[in-house]
Amino acid sequence: MVAFPLGTAFMLPACPRVYGRLMGNLIGHYTQCRKLLCQAAKAGNKVTYEDLAAGLGFQSPRQQWSTVLGQIAADEVRKTGHDLTLVVVYKSGPAKGLSRYFSNIRGGQAPQSTLLDPKDAQQVAAYNRDLAAVFAAYANAVC
């Protein structure tokens, strides 16, 4: 335990602001993160990791996203039959506009257990079908 003399002023670090390092477990941001994803899906929009990070108040999109997105995916599939996290996509690179993962969690796979291969036309087509189903399912959602 650290003792501070009476009258000493100190500041706690701002939370959850992150400057150039990975933040740990993001499960504490579950509700806000789910709301942002729901709003994007309701509008028929994808959201990049960068935009999601900004929406949660993070300086960097490099976060341990699986700690929150995996739980959201599992919960939403259980509740709605759709993986809401499919709306989170890459901003650039070979998988631009695609989700990082392609998991058939409705078929029993663990969330985020299979990487989406942007060169696999079957996976990309299945992802796009599933994403369209997410947009349709959340079109009238209360986020």
Protein backbone atom coordinates (compact mmCIF):
# COMPACT_ATOMS: atom_id res chain seq x y z
CA MET A 1 0.00 0.00 0.00
CA VAL A 2 1.29 3.45 -0.88
CA ALA A 3 0.75 6.24 1.64
CA PHE A 4 0.36 9.82 0.44
CA PRO A 5 0.99 12.66 2.89
CA LEU A 6 -2.06 14.76 3.67
CA GLY A 7 -2.54 17.56 1.20
CA THR A 8 -0.63 15.78 -1.57
CA ALA A 9 -2.28 16.16 -4.94
CA PHE A 10 -2.01 13.31 -7.39
CA MET A 11 -3.80 12.27 -10.52
CA LEU A 12 -4.83 8.80 -11.54
CA PRO A 13 -4.11 7.92 -15.16
CA ALA A 14 -7.00 8.55 -17.50
CA CYS A 15 -8.96 5.44 -18.39
CA PRO A 16 -9.42 3.88 -20.85
CA ARG A 17 -7.13 6.13 -22.93
CA VAL A 18 -4.26 4.11 -24.30
CA TYR A 19 -1.19 5.67 -25.86
CA GLY A 20 0.73 3.31 -28.12
CA ARG A 21 0.28 0.14 -26.13
CA LEU A 22 -2.22 -2.65 -25.96
CA MET A 23 -4.93 -2.35 -23.39
CA GLY A 24 -5.64 -5.56 -21.48
CA ASN A 25 -8.96 -7.29 -21.27
CA LEU A 26 -11.66 -5.12 -22.82
CA ILE A 27 -14.66 -6.90 -21.31
CA GLY A 28 -15.35 -3.81 -19.21
CA HIS A 29 -16.26 -2.08 -22.48
CA TYR A 30 -18.78 -4.78 -23.46
CA THR A 31 -21.94 -2.67 -23.23
CA GLN A 32 -20.58 0.33 -25.09
CA CYS A 33 -18.89 -1.84 -27.71
CA ARG A 34 -22.06 -3.87 -28.31
CA LYS A 35 -24.07 -0.67 -28.65
CA LEU A 36 -21.67 0.72 -31.27
CA LEU A 37 -21.79 -2.53 -33.25
CA CYS A 38 -25.58 -2.68 -32.99
CA GLN A 39 -25.92 0.90 -34.24
CA ALA A 40 -23.62 0.14 -37.19
CA ALA A 41 -25.56 -3.02 -38.08
CA LYS A 42 -28.88 -1.20 -37.74
CA ALA A 43 -27.65 1.38 -40.26
CA GLY A 44 -26.31 -1.37 -42.54
CA ASN A 45 -22.72 -0.25 -42.01
CA LYS A 46 -19.44 -1.95 -41.31
CA VAL A 47 -17.14 -0.45 -38.68
CA THR A 48 -13.34 -0.57 -38.82
CA TYR A 49 -11.21 -1.48 -35.82
CA GLU A 50 -9.93 2.11 -35.93
CA ASP A 51 -13.43 3.56 -35.76
CA LEU A 52 -14.42 1.13 -33.02
CA ALA A 53 -11.35 2.11 -31.01
CA ALA A 54 -12.18 5.81 -31.42
CA GLY A 55 -15.78 5.16 -30.39
CA LEU A 56 -14.53 3.57 -27.19
CA GLY A 57 -12.07 6.40 -26.51
CA PHE A 58 -8.88 4.56 -27.42
CA GLN A 59 -6.00 6.28 -29.20
CA SER A 60 -4.92 3.10 -30.99
CA PRO A 61 -6.92 0.45 -32.84
CA ARG A 62 -4.36 -2.15 -31.74
CA GLN A 63 -6.24 -3.71 -28.85
CA GLN A 64 -6.99 -7.17 -27.54
CA TRP A 65 -10.34 -7.18 -29.33
CA SER A 66 -10.95 -10.89 -28.83
CA THR A 67 -11.51 -10.26 -25.11
CA VAL A 68 -14.73 -8.39 -25.84
CA LEU A 69 -15.71 -9.34 -29.40
CA GLY A 70 -15.66 -13.08 -28.66
CA GLN A 71 -18.13 -12.63 -25.82
CA ILE A 72 -20.37 -10.35 -27.86
CA ALA A 73 -20.35 -12.88 -30.73
CA ALA A 74 -21.32 -15.77 -28.45
CA ASP A 75 -24.04 -13.79 -26.65
CA GLU A 76 -25.58 -12.39 -29.83
CA VAL A 77 -25.64 -15.77 -31.58
CA ARG A 78 -27.34 -17.24 -28.53
CA LYS A 79 -29.91 -14.40 -28.44
CA THR A 80 -30.49 -13.65 -32.13
CA GLY A 81 -28.83 -16.39 -34.16
CA HIS A 82 -26.51 -13.79 -35.74
CA ASP A 83 -22.88 -12.84 -35.09
CA LEU A 84 -22.99 -9.08 -34.58
CA THR A 85 -19.19 -8.85 -34.61
CA LEU A 86 -19.12 -9.55 -38.36
CA VAL A 87 -19.60 -5.79 -38.82
CA VAL A 88 -16.05 -5.15 -37.51
CA VAL A 89 -13.67 -5.07 -40.47
CA TYR A 90 -10.17 -4.18 -41.58
CA LYS A 91 -9.61 -0.69 -42.96
CA SER A 92 -6.79 -1.71 -45.31
CA GLY A 93 -4.63 -4.59 -46.49
CA PRO A 94 -5.58 -7.81 -48.24
CA ALA A 95 -8.66 -8.25 -46.02
CA LYS A 96 -9.88 -4.66 -46.45
CA GLY A 97 -13.60 -4.52 -45.72
CA LEU A 98 -13.64 -8.05 -44.32
CA SER A 99 -13.88 -9.37 -40.81
CA ARG A 100 -10.83 -10.93 -39.18
CA TYR A 101 -12.65 -14.13 -38.33
CA PHE A 102 -15.04 -16.46 -40.02
CA SER A 103 -16.46 -18.84 -37.46
CA ASN A 104 -19.66 -20.77 -37.75
CA ILE A 105 -20.44 -20.45 -34.06
CA ARG A 106 -24.01 -21.42 -34.81
CA GLY A 107 -22.51 -24.72 -35.96
CA GLY A 108 -20.71 -25.21 -32.67
CA GLN A 109 -17.33 -23.62 -33.33
CA ALA A 110 -15.87 -21.32 -30.72
CA PRO A 111 -16.08 -17.60 -31.53
CA GLN A 112 -13.04 -16.36 -33.44
CA SER A 113 -11.65 -19.85 -33.98
CA THR A 114 -11.08 -19.60 -37.74
CA LEU A 115 -9.35 -16.76 -39.54
CA LEU A 116 -11.11 -15.48 -42.64
CA ASP A 117 -8.94 -16.05 -45.70
CA PRO A 118 -9.57 -13.13 -48.09
CA LYS A 119 -8.37 -15.33 -50.99
CA ASP A 120 -10.96 -18.03 -50.26
CA ALA A 121 -13.93 -17.06 -52.43
CA GLN A 122 -16.23 -19.50 -50.60
CA GLN A 123 -15.41 -18.01 -47.20
CA VAL A 124 -15.76 -14.45 -48.48
CA ALA A 125 -19.14 -15.27 -50.08
CA ALA A 126 -20.35 -16.95 -46.87
CA TYR A 127 -19.13 -13.97 -44.83
CA ASN A 128 -21.00 -11.56 -47.10
CA ARG A 129 -24.20 -13.65 -46.82
CA ASP A 130 -23.89 -13.79 -43.03
CA LEU A 131 -23.17 -10.05 -42.86
CA ALA A 132 -26.26 -9.29 -44.96
CA ALA A 133 -28.27 -11.44 -42.53
CA VAL A 134 -26.85 -9.45 -39.61
CA PHE A 135 -27.88 -6.19 -41.26
CA ALA A 136 -31.39 -7.53 -41.84
CA ALA A 137 -31.72 -8.91 -38.30
CA TYR A 138 -30.61 -5.65 -36.66
CA ALA A 139 -32.46 -3.28 -39.01
CA ASN A 140 -35.15 -2.64 -36.41
CA ALA A 141 -33.09 -3.39 -33.31
CA VAL A 142 -33.19 -1.27 -30.20
CA CYS A 143 -29.55 -0.62 -29.49
